[in-house]
Amino acid sequence: MSTDVVLVPLAQVGRPGEQIRTVPRFVRHGPPEIRCDAGQVATGRADRGRHVVETSDGTWVVRTSAHREVRVTDASGAEIAWLARTFWRRRRRGRVGDTVVHYRPSSLWRRGGRWVDDAGRVLLTVRVHDRGFRRSLTCTPAPSAAPGPWVVLLVLLADEAAYDTAPLADVVMEMGAGLGG
């Protein structure tokens, strides 16, 4: 991580009315850089078929498989979030901390959607901005949601859920392993 970049503490991210945005980038080119109203929250880089995300609380590693499962681990290797795709649907199911979350697309024709918990309460609303080959997200936490690191984790998972992205190295490795090579 660059020494001149000061990241916003994750405990302050996700206040009611705050918008969390990803910086526009080319489709399928690494993890997003995440910003909120207070400044930069997270920065990422691609590293050998995985995404490494630097936050004020430490480093997270995002791994995606060919089966469209996403796993986020911290620096010690402990899993802090996961996301799985339902078969033939754009809906997603996952877990952030101890909370089971579901991604519900807004419609068949749009990439945006919302994160809800098991009780059906909306946690985060996701708007997707496609401009040619560049994309970005704007996420708004629900008024009843508490700020914290889970908001940034949901933004990372929303980036995967809205675009069905998988690092190419993971896809090639899984296909090679499935063919006995």
N, C-alpha and C. Protein backbone atom coordinates (compact mmCIF):
# COMPACT_ATOMS: atom_id res chain seq x y z
N MET A 1 0.85 -1.18 0.00
CA MET A 1 0.00 0.00 0.00
C MET A 1 0.89 1.23 0.00
N SER A 2 0.51 2.24 -0.70
CA SER A 2 1.28 3.48 -0.79
C SER A 2 1.25 4.21 0.55
N THR A 3 2.37 4.83 0.93
CA THR A 3 2.46 5.50 2.22
C THR A 3 1.74 6.84 2.23
N ASP A 4 1.48 7.43 1.08
CA ASP A 4 0.82 8.74 1.05
C ASP A 4 -0.70 8.65 1.07
N VAL A 5 -1.26 7.45 1.04
CA VAL A 5 -2.71 7.26 1.06
C VAL A 5 -3.14 6.95 2.49
N VAL A 6 -4.03 7.76 3.04
CA VAL A 6 -4.58 7.52 4.37
C VAL A 6 -5.98 6.96 4.19
N LEU A 7 -6.20 5.74 4.67
CA LEU A 7 -7.49 5.08 4.51
C LEU A 7 -8.42 5.41 5.68
N VAL A 8 -9.69 5.57 5.37
CA VAL A 8 -10.71 5.86 6.38
C VAL A 8 -10.90 4.62 7.25
N PRO A 9 -10.97 4.75 8.58
CA PRO A 9 -11.23 3.59 9.44
C PRO A 9 -12.58 2.95 9.09
N LEU A 10 -12.58 1.62 9.03
CA LEU A 10 -13.78 0.90 8.59
C LEU A 10 -14.95 1.06 9.55
N ALA A 11 -14.69 1.34 10.81
CA ALA A 11 -15.77 1.50 11.79
C ALA A 11 -16.62 2.73 11.47
N GLN A 12 -16.10 3.67 10.68
CA GLN A 12 -16.83 4.89 10.35
C GLN A 12 -17.57 4.80 9.02
N VAL A 13 -17.39 3.72 8.28
CA VAL A 13 -17.98 3.60 6.94
C VAL A 13 -19.39 3.03 7.05
N GLY A 14 -20.34 3.65 6.35
CA GLY A 14 -21.70 3.14 6.29
C GLY A 14 -22.69 3.89 7.14
N ARG A 15 -22.41 5.14 7.44
CA ARG A 15 -23.38 5.95 8.19
C ARG A 15 -24.61 6.18 7.33
N PRO A 16 -25.79 6.36 7.94
CA PRO A 16 -27.01 6.59 7.16
C PRO A 16 -26.85 7.78 6.22
N GLY A 17 -27.26 7.61 4.98
CA GLY A 17 -27.20 8.66 3.97
C GLY A 17 -25.87 8.75 3.25
N GLU A 18 -24.86 8.03 3.70
CA GLU A 18 -23.55 8.06 3.06
C GLU A 18 -23.55 7.18 1.82
N GLN A 19 -22.83 7.61 0.80
CA GLN A 19 -22.70 6.79 -0.40
C GLN A 19 -21.29 6.24 -0.48
N ILE A 20 -21.20 4.95 -0.76
CA ILE A 20 -19.92 4.29 -0.95
C ILE A 20 -19.80 3.99 -2.43
N ARG A 21 -18.69 4.41 -3.03
CA ARG A 21 -18.52 4.28 -4.48
C ARG A 21 -17.25 3.50 -4.81
N THR A 22 -17.29 2.83 -5.95
CA THR A 22 -16.06 2.26 -6.48
C THR A 22 -15.59 3.19 -7.60
N VAL A 23 -14.29 3.35 -7.70
CA VAL A 23 -13.71 4.21 -8.74
C VAL A 23 -13.89 3.51 -10.08
N PRO A 24 -14.34 4.22 -11.14
CA PRO A 24 -14.51 3.57 -12.44
C PRO A 24 -13.22 2.91 -12.92
N ARG A 25 -13.36 1.68 -13.41
CA ARG A 25 -12.21 0.95 -13.93
C ARG A 25 -12.67 0.07 -15.08
N PHE A 26 -11.71 -0.42 -15.86
CA PHE A 26 -12.06 -1.28 -16.97
C PHE A 26 -12.61 -2.60 -16.45
N VAL A 27 -13.59 -3.15 -17.17
CA VAL A 27 -14.24 -4.39 -16.77
C VAL A 27 -13.19 -5.49 -16.66
N ARG A 28 -13.27 -6.27 -15.58
CA ARG A 28 -12.39 -7.42 -15.31
C ARG A 28 -10.93 -7.05 -15.13
N HIS A 29 -10.67 -5.85 -14.63
CA HIS A 29 -9.29 -5.43 -14.39
C HIS A 29 -9.06 -5.21 -12.91
N GLY A 30 -8.96 -6.27 -12.15
CA GLY A 30 -8.60 -6.18 -10.75
C GLY A 30 -9.73 -5.78 -9.83
N PRO A 31 -9.42 -5.72 -8.54
CA PRO A 31 -10.42 -5.38 -7.54
C PRO A 31 -10.71 -3.88 -7.54
N PRO A 32 -11.84 -3.48 -6.98
CA PRO A 32 -12.19 -2.06 -7.00
C PRO A 32 -11.43 -1.25 -5.96
N GLU A 33 -11.32 0.04 -6.24
CA GLU A 33 -10.87 1.01 -5.25
C GLU A 33 -12.14 1.61 -4.68
N ILE A 34 -12.31 1.57 -3.37
CA ILE A 34 -13.57 1.96 -2.74
C ILE A 34 -13.39 3.28 -2.01
N ARG A 35 -14.34 4.21 -2.23
CA ARG A 35 -14.33 5.52 -1.59
C ARG A 35 -15.68 5.78 -0.94
N CYS A 36 -15.67 6.59 0.12
CA CYS A 36 -16.90 7.06 0.73
C CYS A 36 -16.82 8.58 0.84
N ASP A 37 -17.82 9.19 1.47
CA ASP A 37 -17.84 10.64 1.58
C ASP A 37 -16.62 11.18 2.35
N ALA A 38 -16.08 10.39 3.29
CA ALA A 38 -14.96 10.83 4.12
C ALA A 38 -13.60 10.64 3.45
N GLY A 39 -13.54 9.87 2.37
CA GLY A 39 -12.27 9.65 1.68
C GLY A 39 -12.14 8.22 1.19
N GLN A 40 -10.91 7.81 0.92
CA GLN A 40 -10.66 6.47 0.38
C GLN A 40 -10.74 5.43 1.50
N VAL A 41 -11.45 4.34 1.22
CA VAL A 41 -11.69 3.29 2.21
C VAL A 41 -10.77 2.10 1.97
N ALA A 42 -10.66 1.67 0.71
CA ALA A 42 -9.88 0.48 0.39
C ALA A 42 -9.27 0.63 -0.99
N THR A 43 -8.11 0.01 -1.17
CA THR A 43 -7.46 -0.03 -2.46
C THR A 43 -7.06 -1.47 -2.72
N GLY A 44 -7.08 -1.87 -3.98
CA GLY A 44 -6.81 -3.27 -4.28
C GLY A 44 -5.83 -3.45 -5.41
N ARG A 45 -5.32 -4.68 -5.51
CA ARG A 45 -4.43 -5.04 -6.62
C ARG A 45 -4.62 -6.51 -6.91
N ALA A 46 -4.37 -6.88 -8.15
CA ALA A 46 -4.44 -8.28 -8.54
C ALA A 46 -3.08 -8.92 -8.25
N ASP A 47 -3.11 -10.15 -7.73
CA ASP A 47 -1.87 -10.82 -7.37
C ASP A 47 -2.03 -12.33 -7.55
N ARG A 48 -1.49 -12.87 -8.64
CA ARG A 48 -1.48 -14.31 -8.91
C ARG A 48 -2.85 -14.97 -8.80
N GLY A 49 -3.82 -14.47 -9.54
CA GLY A 49 -5.14 -15.08 -9.58
C GLY A 49 -6.03 -14.78 -8.40
N ARG A 50 -5.65 -13.82 -7.60
CA ARG A 50 -6.48 -13.42 -6.47
C ARG A 50 -6.42 -11.90 -6.37
N HIS A 51 -7.33 -11.34 -5.61
CA HIS A 51 -7.34 -9.90 -5.40
C HIS A 51 -6.93 -9.62 -3.96
N VAL A 52 -6.00 -8.71 -3.78
CA VAL A 52 -5.57 -8.31 -2.45
C VAL A 52 -6.11 -6.91 -2.20
N VAL A 53 -6.88 -6.74 -1.13
CA VAL A 53 -7.51 -5.47 -0.81
C VAL A 53 -6.91 -4.95 0.49
N GLU A 54 -6.37 -3.73 0.44
CA GLU A 54 -5.78 -3.08 1.62
C GLU A 54 -6.82 -2.16 2.25
N THR A 55 -7.06 -2.34 3.55
CA THR A 55 -7.97 -1.48 4.31
C THR A 55 -7.23 -0.95 5.53
N SER A 56 -7.87 -0.06 6.27
CA SER A 56 -7.25 0.46 7.49
C SER A 56 -7.15 -0.62 8.57
N ASP A 57 -8.00 -1.64 8.49
CA ASP A 57 -7.98 -2.74 9.46
C ASP A 57 -7.05 -3.87 9.08
N GLY A 58 -6.42 -3.79 7.91
CA GLY A 58 -5.51 -4.85 7.48
C GLY A 58 -5.77 -5.25 6.04
N THR A 59 -5.22 -6.40 5.67
CA THR A 59 -5.30 -6.89 4.29
C THR A 59 -6.37 -7.97 4.19
N TRP A 60 -7.16 -7.92 3.12
CA TRP A 60 -8.13 -8.97 2.81
C TRP A 60 -7.74 -9.59 1.49
N VAL A 61 -7.95 -10.88 1.35
CA VAL A 61 -7.68 -11.59 0.10
C VAL A 61 -9.00 -12.11 -0.44
N VAL A 62 -9.30 -11.77 -1.70
CA VAL A 62 -10.55 -12.19 -2.35
C VAL A 62 -10.20 -13.24 -3.40
N ARG A 63 -10.76 -14.44 -3.23
CA ARG A 63 -10.54 -15.52 -4.18
C ARG A 63 -11.87 -15.90 -4.80
N THR A 64 -11.86 -16.11 -6.11
CA THR A 64 -13.06 -16.48 -6.85
C THR A 64 -12.79 -17.76 -7.60
N SER A 65 -13.74 -18.70 -7.55
CA SER A 65 -13.55 -19.97 -8.26
C SER A 65 -14.39 -19.98 -9.53
N ALA A 66 -14.16 -21.00 -10.36
CA ALA A 66 -14.93 -21.14 -11.60
C ALA A 66 -16.40 -21.42 -11.32
N HIS A 67 -16.68 -21.90 -10.12
CA HIS A 67 -18.07 -22.17 -9.74
C HIS A 67 -18.76 -20.91 -9.23
N ARG A 68 -18.09 -19.78 -9.37
CA ARG A 68 -18.60 -18.47 -8.97
C ARG A 68 -18.78 -18.35 -7.46
N GLU A 69 -17.97 -19.05 -6.71
CA GLU A 69 -17.93 -18.85 -5.27
C GLU A 69 -16.85 -17.84 -4.96
N VAL A 70 -17.16 -16.93 -4.07
CA VAL A 70 -16.21 -15.89 -3.68
C VAL A 70 -15.94 -16.06 -2.19
N ARG A 71 -14.67 -16.07 -1.82
CA ARG A 71 -14.27 -16.18 -0.42
C ARG A 71 -13.33 -15.03 -0.08
N VAL A 72 -13.63 -14.34 1.02
CA VAL A 72 -12.80 -13.24 1.50
C VAL A 72 -12.17 -13.68 2.82
N THR A 73 -10.83 -13.62 2.88
CA THR A 73 -10.12 -13.99 4.10
C THR A 73 -9.28 -12.81 4.56
N ASP A 74 -8.96 -12.82 5.85
CA ASP A 74 -8.07 -11.77 6.37
C ASP A 74 -6.63 -12.23 6.25
N ALA A 75 -5.69 -11.45 6.77
CA ALA A 75 -4.27 -11.75 6.62
C ALA A 75 -3.87 -13.07 7.27
N SER A 76 -4.59 -13.48 8.32
CA SER A 76 -4.27 -14.74 9.00
C SER A 76 -4.89 -15.95 8.31
N GLY A 77 -5.71 -15.73 7.28
CA GLY A 77 -6.35 -16.82 6.55
C GLY A 77 -7.73 -17.18 7.05
N ALA A 78 -8.23 -16.49 8.07
CA ALA A 78 -9.58 -16.75 8.58
C ALA A 78 -10.62 -16.18 7.62
N GLU A 79 -11.63 -16.97 7.32
CA GLU A 79 -12.67 -16.53 6.38
C GLU A 79 -13.58 -15.52 7.07
N ILE A 80 -13.76 -14.36 6.43
CA ILE A 80 -14.62 -13.32 7.00
C ILE A 80 -15.88 -13.11 6.18
N ALA A 81 -15.91 -13.62 4.94
CA ALA A 81 -17.12 -13.51 4.12
C ALA A 81 -17.04 -14.53 2.99
N TRP A 82 -18.19 -14.98 2.52
CA TRP A 82 -18.26 -15.84 1.33
C TRP A 82 -19.54 -15.54 0.58
N LEU A 83 -19.55 -15.91 -0.69
CA LEU A 83 -20.69 -15.66 -1.56
C LEU A 83 -20.79 -16.81 -2.55
N ALA A 84 -22.01 -17.33 -2.77
CA ALA A 84 -22.23 -18.42 -3.72
C ALA A 84 -23.36 -18.04 -4.65
N ARG A 85 -23.27 -18.50 -5.86
CA ARG A 85 -24.29 -18.23 -6.87
C ARG A 85 -25.30 -19.36 -6.89
N THR A 86 -26.57 -19.02 -7.03
CA THR A 86 -27.58 -20.05 -7.20
C THR A 86 -27.58 -20.48 -8.66
N PHE A 87 -27.89 -21.72 -8.91
CA PHE A 87 -27.78 -22.28 -10.25
C PHE A 87 -28.75 -21.60 -11.21
N TRP A 88 -28.25 -21.12 -12.36
CA TRP A 88 -29.03 -20.49 -13.43
C TRP A 88 -29.76 -19.23 -13.01
N ARG A 89 -29.31 -18.58 -11.95
CA ARG A 89 -29.96 -17.35 -11.52
C ARG A 89 -28.91 -16.32 -11.15
N ARG A 90 -29.30 -15.07 -11.13
CA ARG A 90 -28.38 -14.01 -10.74
C ARG A 90 -28.43 -13.74 -9.24
N ARG A 91 -29.32 -14.41 -8.55
CA ARG A 91 -29.38 -14.22 -7.10
C ARG A 91 -28.16 -14.85 -6.45
N ARG A 92 -27.74 -14.27 -5.35
CA ARG A 92 -26.58 -14.78 -4.62
C ARG A 92 -26.93 -14.96 -3.16
N ARG A 93 -26.23 -15.89 -2.53
CA ARG A 93 -26.40 -16.13 -1.10
C ARG A 93 -25.01 -16.16 -0.48
N GLY A 94 -24.87 -15.56 0.69
CA GLY A 94 -23.56 -15.54 1.31
C GLY A 94 -23.63 -15.25 2.79
N ARG A 95 -22.46 -14.99 3.35
CA ARG A 95 -22.35 -14.69 4.77
C ARG A 95 -21.28 -13.62 4.95
N VAL A 96 -21.58 -12.65 5.78
CA VAL A 96 -20.62 -11.62 6.17
C VAL A 96 -20.61 -11.62 7.70
N GLY A 97 -19.50 -12.06 8.28
CA GLY A 97 -19.45 -12.22 9.73
C GLY A 97 -20.40 -13.34 10.13
N ASP A 98 -21.35 -13.03 11.01
CA ASP A 98 -22.34 -14.02 11.45
C ASP A 98 -23.68 -13.84 10.75
N THR A 99 -23.79 -12.91 9.82
CA THR A 99 -25.05 -12.59 9.16
C THR A 99 -25.14 -13.26 7.79
N VAL A 100 -26.24 -13.97 7.56
CA VAL A 100 -26.50 -14.55 6.24
C VAL A 100 -27.13 -13.46 5.38
N VAL A 101 -26.58 -13.25 4.18
CA VAL A 101 -27.05 -12.18 3.30
C VAL A 101 -27.46 -12.77 1.95
N HIS A 102 -28.35 -12.05 1.27
CA HIS A 102 -28.83 -12.46 -0.05
C HIS A 102 -28.75 -11.25 -0.97
N TYR A 103 -28.23 -11.44 -2.19
CA TYR A 103 -28.21 -10.38 -3.20
C TYR A 103 -29.41 -10.59 -4.10
N ARG A 104 -30.24 -9.58 -4.21
CA ARG A 104 -31.44 -9.64 -5.04
C ARG A 104 -31.32 -8.61 -6.16
N PRO A 105 -31.18 -9.07 -7.42
CA PRO A 105 -31.12 -8.12 -8.54
C PRO A 105 -32.42 -7.33 -8.64
N SER A 106 -32.31 -6.07 -9.08
CA SER A 106 -33.51 -5.23 -9.16
C SER A 106 -34.44 -5.67 -10.28
N SER A 107 -33.90 -6.16 -11.40
CA SER A 107 -34.74 -6.67 -12.48
C SER A 107 -33.87 -7.50 -13.42
N LEU A 108 -34.51 -8.11 -14.38
CA LEU A 108 -33.79 -8.92 -15.36
C LEU A 108 -32.91 -8.05 -16.24
N TRP A 109 -33.31 -6.81 -16.48
CA TRP A 109 -32.63 -5.95 -17.44
C TRP A 109 -31.59 -5.03 -16.82
N ARG A 110 -31.46 -5.02 -15.52
CA ARG A 110 -30.49 -4.14 -14.86
C ARG A 110 -29.55 -4.94 -13.98
N ARG A 111 -28.34 -4.41 -13.82
CA ARG A 111 -27.35 -5.11 -13.01
C ARG A 111 -27.44 -4.75 -11.53
N GLY A 112 -28.05 -3.66 -11.18
CA GLY A 112 -28.14 -3.24 -9.78
C GLY A 112 -29.02 -4.16 -8.97
N GLY A 113 -29.05 -3.93 -7.68
CA GLY A 113 -29.86 -4.76 -6.80
C GLY A 113 -29.75 -4.28 -5.37
N ARG A 114 -30.00 -5.21 -4.45
CA ARG A 114 -29.92 -4.86 -3.03
C ARG A 114 -29.49 -6.09 -2.23
N TRP A 115 -28.82 -5.84 -1.13
CA TRP A 115 -28.46 -6.88 -0.18
C TRP A 115 -29.51 -6.90 0.91
N VAL A 116 -30.06 -8.08 1.21
CA VAL A 116 -31.03 -8.23 2.30
C VAL A 116 -30.53 -9.32 3.24
N ASP A 117 -31.01 -9.29 4.49
CA ASP A 117 -30.66 -10.36 5.43
C ASP A 117 -31.75 -11.42 5.41
N ASP A 118 -31.64 -12.43 6.27
CA ASP A 118 -32.62 -13.53 6.29
C ASP A 118 -34.03 -13.05 6.62
N ALA A 119 -34.15 -11.99 7.40
CA ALA A 119 -35.46 -11.47 7.77
C ALA A 119 -36.07 -10.60 6.67
N GLY A 120 -35.34 -10.35 5.59
CA GLY A 120 -35.85 -9.55 4.49
C GLY A 120 -35.56 -8.07 4.61
N ARG A 121 -34.82 -7.66 5.64
CA ARG A 121 -34.48 -6.24 5.81
C ARG A 121 -33.39 -5.86 4.82
N VAL A 122 -33.57 -4.74 4.16
CA VAL A 122 -32.58 -4.25 3.20
C VAL A 122 -31.38 -3.72 3.97
N LEU A 123 -30.18 -4.19 3.60
CA LEU A 123 -28.94 -3.74 4.23
C LEU A 123 -28.22 -2.70 3.39
N LEU A 124 -28.21 -2.90 2.05
CA LEU A 124 -27.43 -2.05 1.16
C LEU A 124 -28.09 -2.06 -0.22
N THR A 125 -28.26 -0.88 -0.81
CA THR A 125 -28.79 -0.76 -2.17
C THR A 125 -27.63 -0.50 -3.11
N VAL A 126 -27.61 -1.22 -4.26
CA VAL A 126 -26.49 -1.16 -5.20
C VAL A 126 -26.97 -0.61 -6.53
N ARG A 127 -26.31 0.45 -7.01
CA ARG A 127 -26.56 0.98 -8.36
C ARG A 127 -25.30 0.76 -9.18
N VAL A 128 -25.46 0.27 -10.40
CA VAL A 128 -24.32 -0.02 -11.27
C VAL A 128 -24.28 1.01 -12.38
N HIS A 129 -23.09 1.50 -12.68
CA HIS A 129 -22.89 2.48 -13.75
C HIS A 129 -21.97 1.87 -14.80
N ASP A 130 -22.50 1.59 -15.97
CA ASP A 130 -21.70 1.07 -17.08
C ASP A 130 -21.47 2.20 -18.07
N ARG A 131 -20.21 2.47 -18.37
CA ARG A 131 -19.86 3.49 -19.36
C ARG A 131 -18.88 2.87 -20.33
N GLY A 132 -19.39 2.31 -21.41
CA GLY A 132 -18.52 1.61 -22.35
C GLY A 132 -17.94 0.38 -21.69
N PHE A 133 -16.61 0.31 -21.65
CA PHE A 133 -15.95 -0.81 -21.00
C PHE A 133 -15.53 -0.48 -19.57
N ARG A 134 -16.02 0.64 -19.05
CA ARG A 134 -15.69 1.02 -17.67
C ARG A 134 -16.92 0.83 -16.80
N ARG A 135 -16.69 0.45 -15.56
CA ARG A 135 -17.81 0.22 -14.66
C ARG A 135 -17.51 0.78 -13.28
N SER A 136 -18.57 1.09 -12.55
CA SER A 136 -18.44 1.52 -11.16
C SER A 136 -19.75 1.22 -10.44
N LEU A 137 -19.71 1.23 -9.12
CA LEU A 137 -20.88 0.99 -8.29
C LEU A 137 -21.09 2.17 -7.36
N THR A 138 -22.35 2.44 -7.03
CA THR A 138 -22.69 3.37 -5.96
C THR A 138 -23.59 2.61 -5.01
N CYS A 139 -23.18 2.50 -3.75
CA CYS A 139 -23.92 1.72 -2.76
C CYS A 139 -24.38 2.65 -1.64
N THR A 140 -25.62 2.45 -1.20
CA THR A 140 -26.18 3.26 -0.13
C THR A 140 -26.67 2.34 0.99
N PRO A 141 -26.12 2.47 2.20
CA PRO A 141 -26.59 1.64 3.32
C PRO A 141 -28.01 2.04 3.72
N ALA A 142 -28.75 1.08 4.25
CA ALA A 142 -30.11 1.35 4.74
C ALA A 142 -30.03 2.27 5.96
N PRO A 143 -31.06 3.11 6.17
CA PRO A 143 -31.03 4.03 7.32
C PRO A 143 -30.90 3.32 8.66
N SER A 144 -31.42 2.10 8.77
CA SER A 144 -31.36 1.38 10.04
C SER A 144 -30.07 0.60 10.23
N ALA A 145 -29.20 0.57 9.22
CA ALA A 145 -27.97 -0.23 9.29
C ALA A 145 -26.90 0.50 10.11
N ALA A 146 -26.12 -0.28 10.85
CA ALA A 146 -25.02 0.27 11.65
C ALA A 146 -23.76 0.33 10.80
N PRO A 147 -22.93 1.37 10.96
CA PRO A 147 -21.68 1.43 10.21
C PRO A 147 -20.71 0.34 10.66
N GLY A 148 -19.76 0.02 9.79
CA GLY A 148 -18.74 -0.97 10.15
C GLY A 148 -18.11 -1.63 8.94
N PRO A 149 -17.19 -2.56 9.18
CA PRO A 149 -16.47 -3.23 8.08
C PRO A 149 -17.38 -4.04 7.17
N TRP A 150 -18.52 -4.50 7.67
CA TRP A 150 -19.43 -5.32 6.85
C TRP A 150 -19.90 -4.56 5.62
N VAL A 151 -19.99 -3.23 5.71
CA VAL A 151 -20.44 -2.43 4.56
C VAL A 151 -19.43 -2.57 3.41
N VAL A 152 -18.15 -2.47 3.72
CA VAL A 152 -17.11 -2.59 2.70
C VAL A 152 -17.09 -4.01 2.13
N LEU A 153 -17.29 -5.01 2.98
CA LEU A 153 -17.35 -6.39 2.49
C LEU A 153 -18.52 -6.58 1.53
N LEU A 154 -19.68 -5.99 1.84
CA LEU A 154 -20.83 -6.11 0.93
C LEU A 154 -20.57 -5.39 -0.38
N VAL A 155 -19.85 -4.27 -0.36
CA VAL A 155 -19.51 -3.58 -1.61
C VAL A 155 -18.59 -4.46 -2.46
N LEU A 156 -17.60 -5.09 -1.83
CA LEU A 156 -16.72 -6.02 -2.56
C LEU A 156 -17.51 -7.17 -3.16
N LEU A 157 -18.41 -7.76 -2.38
CA LEU A 157 -19.22 -8.88 -2.87
C LEU A 157 -20.22 -8.42 -3.92
N ALA A 158 -20.72 -7.19 -3.81
CA ALA A 158 -21.65 -6.66 -4.82
C ALA A 158 -20.95 -6.51 -6.16
N ASP A 159 -19.68 -6.13 -6.13
CA ASP A 159 -18.91 -6.02 -7.36
C ASP A 159 -18.85 -7.37 -8.06
N GLU A 160 -18.67 -8.43 -7.32
CA GLU A 160 -18.65 -9.78 -7.89
C GLU A 160 -20.05 -10.21 -8.33
N ALA A 161 -21.07 -9.93 -7.50
CA ALA A 161 -22.43 -10.38 -7.79
C ALA A 161 -23.02 -9.68 -9.01
N ALA A 162 -22.75 -8.39 -9.16
CA ALA A 162 -23.34 -7.63 -10.26
C ALA A 162 -22.71 -7.96 -11.60
N TYR A 163 -21.47 -8.42 -11.59
CA TYR A 163 -20.76 -8.62 -12.85
C TYR A 163 -20.34 -10.05 -13.12
N ASP A 164 -20.53 -10.96 -12.16
CA ASP A 164 -20.10 -12.35 -12.33
C ASP A 164 -18.66 -12.42 -12.78
N THR A 165 -17.77 -11.74 -12.09
CA THR A 165 -16.37 -11.75 -12.47
C THR A 165 -15.63 -12.86 -11.75
N ALA A 166 -14.68 -13.45 -12.43
CA ALA A 166 -13.79 -14.45 -11.83
C ALA A 166 -12.41 -14.25 -12.42
N PRO A 167 -11.37 -14.21 -11.58
CA PRO A 167 -10.02 -14.10 -12.14
C PRO A 167 -9.74 -15.26 -13.08
N LEU A 168 -9.19 -14.98 -14.24
CA LEU A 168 -8.97 -15.99 -15.27
C LEU A 168 -8.06 -17.11 -14.78
N ALA A 169 -7.08 -16.79 -13.95
CA ALA A 169 -6.16 -17.83 -13.46
C ALA A 169 -6.90 -18.89 -12.67
N ASP A 170 -7.90 -18.48 -11.86
CA ASP A 170 -8.68 -19.46 -11.10
C ASP A 170 -9.48 -20.36 -12.01
N VAL A 171 -10.07 -19.79 -13.06
CA VAL A 171 -10.87 -20.58 -13.99
C VAL A 171 -9.99 -21.60 -14.70
N VAL A 172 -8.83 -21.19 -15.17
CA VAL A 172 -7.92 -22.10 -15.87
C VAL A 172 -7.44 -23.19 -14.93
N MET A 173 -7.08 -22.84 -13.69
CA MET A 173 -6.59 -23.84 -12.74
C MET A 173 -7.68 -24.86 -12.42
N GLU A 174 -8.92 -24.41 -12.20
CA GLU A 174 -9.99 -25.34 -11.88
C GLU A 174 -10.32 -26.23 -13.06
N MET A 175 -10.29 -25.68 -14.28
CA MET A 175 -10.57 -26.49 -15.45
C MET A 175 -9.46 -27.52 -15.64
N GLY A 176 -8.21 -27.12 -15.43
CA GLY A 176 -7.10 -28.05 -15.56
C GLY A 176 -7.16 -29.15 -14.51
N ALA A 177 -7.54 -28.80 -13.28
CA ALA A 177 -7.64 -29.80 -12.22
C ALA A 177 -8.78 -30.78 -12.50
N GLY A 178 -9.86 -30.29 -13.10
CA GLY A 178 -10.99 -31.15 -13.42
C GLY A 178 -10.70 -32.11 -14.56
N LEU A 179 -9.70 -31.80 -15.38
CA LEU A 179 -9.35 -32.66 -16.50
C LEU A 179 -8.23 -33.63 -16.15
N GLY A 180 -7.84 -33.64 -14.89
CA GLY A 180 -6.80 -34.56 -14.46
C GLY A 180 -5.40 -34.05 -14.73
N GLY A 181 -5.24 -32.77 -14.99
CA GLY A 181 -3.90 -32.25 -15.30
C GLY A 181 -3.57 -31.15 -14.43
